[in-house]
């Protein structure tokens, strides 16, 4: 009976044949990372994975991870799954063009953002990292409820705290924002009209905080752009 059980186990777990030969990852031994293995890893992951995590798990260097991610991104470009990146982390998401069908399936199309939420989201996406005080100065109204609503819907995330008196929270966008708007990275955000970009400048502070050398063509174009009041 023991032999029969062993044969059954061998049929059910073919990858275990590699365990005794120093290949704990089955057909992908440490020091190797195939495009197929990378796709499978990202598929089963319950959260975005950092490039460092992937390199450590696969036993490869960062250059190999970057190369395989590039290959995978190209392979997925015409399929229903996309590879998106936010900083050092990557994740598999559904294709933006399939959003309508998927929304009807999960009922997400019933959740719509208000004009105030769209306006606030545009400011956060363009100005990130940004504090609530800056958002409110640009909008000219209290934005606490709107920011909390966007946080609850995971359209924005807390990035940390500012090194200013009171240590206020800094807000920005995360993976859910990229997925919702069909973006692979923030670099794919559509250009802003100069007039709209001017409306997102803090009237009591410095200009847009997208980096010293960032051009105002990166933020998302809001449906109802904010303007100083």
Foldseek 3Di string as FASTA:
>chain_A
DVVVVVVVVCVVCVQCVCVVVQAPPRPQRAAGDALVNVVVVQVPDPDWDFLVVVCVVRNYDSVRSVVSLVVNQVVCVPDQWHWADEVRTIHIDGAQVCVVVVCVVVVVVVDDDDLLLLQLLLLQAFQPQDFQVQSCQLQVHRCPVSVVVCVVVQQKDFPFFDPDPPRTTTIHHDDVVCNNVRHRYLQPAAFDDPVLLQSSQRPPDDHRNPDPPDDRGRTHYGPNGTGGD
